[in-house]
């Protein structure tokens, strides 16, 4: 699979959404509003929870 974002871009975008919402962005919402972000996040992190964990610095 070809990616359109680097891992760093994915982490930064998730972090940005986290800051805007004040909580981790829900998978369904991101899948609908940012499909490319979701596709790339799943490529790098295998699941949304791992992407969130990595992006929040936990």
C-alpha atoms as a PDB file:
ATOM      1  CA  UNK A   1       0.000   0.000   0.000  1.00  0.00           C
ATOM      2  CA  UNK A   2       1.205   3.460  -0.840  1.00  0.00           C
ATOM      3  CA  UNK A   3       0.924   6.112   1.839  1.00  0.00           C
ATOM      4  CA  UNK A   4       0.175   9.778   1.301  1.00  0.00           C
ATOM      5  CA  UNK A   5       1.447  10.906   4.718  1.00  0.00           C
ATOM      6  CA  UNK A   6       4.574  10.203   6.722  1.00  0.00           C
ATOM      7  CA  UNK A   7       4.315   8.674  10.182  1.00  0.00           C
ATOM      8  CA  UNK A   8       5.284  12.049  11.656  1.00  0.00           C
ATOM      9  CA  UNK A   9       2.501  13.802   9.708  1.00  0.00           C
ATOM     10  CA  UNK A  10      -0.033  11.246  10.975  1.00  0.00           C
ATOM     11  CA  UNK A  11       1.089  11.702  14.585  1.00  0.00           C
ATOM     12  CA  UNK A  12       1.026  15.504  14.253  1.00  0.00           C
ATOM     13  CA  UNK A  13      -2.455  15.542  12.713  1.00  0.00           C
ATOM     14  CA  UNK A  14      -3.887  13.227  15.384  1.00  0.00           C
ATOM     15  CA  UNK A  15      -2.270  15.383  18.069  1.00  0.00           C
ATOM     16  CA  UNK A  16      -3.806  18.470  16.476  1.00  0.00           C
ATOM     17  CA  UNK A  17      -7.275  16.872  16.459  1.00  0.00           C
ATOM     18  CA  UNK A  18      -6.755  15.752  20.071  1.00  0.00           C
ATOM     19  CA  UNK A  19      -5.983  19.355  21.113  1.00  0.00           C
ATOM     20  CA  UNK A  20      -9.014  20.724  19.222  1.00  0.00           C
ATOM     21  CA  UNK A  21     -11.414  18.232  20.798  1.00  0.00           C
ATOM     22  CA  UNK A  22      -9.770  17.981  24.212  1.00  0.00           C
ATOM     23  CA  UNK A  23      -9.986  14.202  23.947  1.00  0.00           C
ATOM     24  CA  UNK A  24      -8.972  11.485  21.507  1.00  0.00           C
ATOM     25  CA  UNK A  25     -10.894  11.864  18.254  1.00  0.00           C
ATOM     26  CA  UNK A  26     -13.412   9.021  17.780  1.00  0.00           C
ATOM     27  CA  UNK A  27     -12.533   6.503  15.080  1.00  0.00           C
ATOM     28  CA  UNK A  28     -15.888   6.852  13.293  1.00  0.00           C
ATOM     29  CA  UNK A  29     -15.605  10.635  13.171  1.00  0.00           C
ATOM     30  CA  UNK A  30     -12.052  10.558  11.789  1.00  0.00           C
ATOM     31  CA  UNK A  31     -12.942   7.862   9.268  1.00  0.00           C
ATOM     32  CA  UNK A  32     -15.703  10.113   7.938  1.00  0.00           C
ATOM     33  CA  UNK A  33     -14.022  13.525   8.145  1.00  0.00           C
ATOM     34  CA  UNK A  34     -10.370  12.555   7.502  1.00  0.00           C
ATOM     35  CA  UNK A  35     -10.317   9.286   5.526  1.00  0.00           C
ATOM     36  CA  UNK A  36      -6.700   9.730   4.368  1.00  0.00           C
ATOM     37  CA  UNK A  37      -5.551  10.248   7.943  1.00  0.00           C
ATOM     38  CA  UNK A  38      -7.340   7.075   9.033  1.00  0.00           C
ATOM     39  CA  UNK A  39      -5.900   5.048   6.145  1.00  0.00           C
ATOM     40  CA  UNK A  40      -2.369   6.193   6.921  1.00  0.00           C
ATOM     41  CA  UNK A  41      -2.784   5.794  10.688  1.00  0.00           C
ATOM     42  CA  UNK A  42      -3.887   2.179  10.239  1.00  0.00           C
ATOM     43  CA  UNK A  43      -0.969   1.539   7.883  1.00  0.00           C
ATOM     44  CA  UNK A  44       1.601   2.711  10.446  1.00  0.00           C
ATOM     45  CA  UNK A  45      -0.068   1.635  13.697  1.00  0.00           C
ATOM     46  CA  UNK A  46      -2.341  -1.332  12.761  1.00  0.00           C
ATOM     47  CA  UNK A  47      -5.262   0.058  14.793  1.00  0.00           C
ATOM     48  CA  UNK A  48      -6.695   3.405  15.829  1.00  0.00           C
ATOM     49  CA  UNK A  49      -6.019   2.875  19.535  1.00  0.00           C
ATOM     50  CA  UNK A  50      -2.279   2.433  18.871  1.00  0.00           C
ATOM     51  CA  UNK A  51      -2.255   5.567  16.723  1.00  0.00           C
ATOM     52  CA  UNK A  52      -3.942   7.567  19.505  1.00  0.00           C
ATOM     53  CA  UNK A  53      -1.563   6.187  22.132  1.00  0.00           C
ATOM     54  CA  UNK A  54       1.473   7.036  20.024  1.00  0.00           C
ATOM     55  CA  UNK A  55       0.156  10.523  19.221  1.00  0.00           C
ATOM     56  CA  UNK A  56      -0.696  11.414  22.798  1.00  0.00           C
ATOM     57  CA  UNK A  57       2.832  10.591  23.963  1.00  0.00           C
ATOM     58  CA  UNK A  58       1.627   7.844  26.324  1.00  0.00           C
END
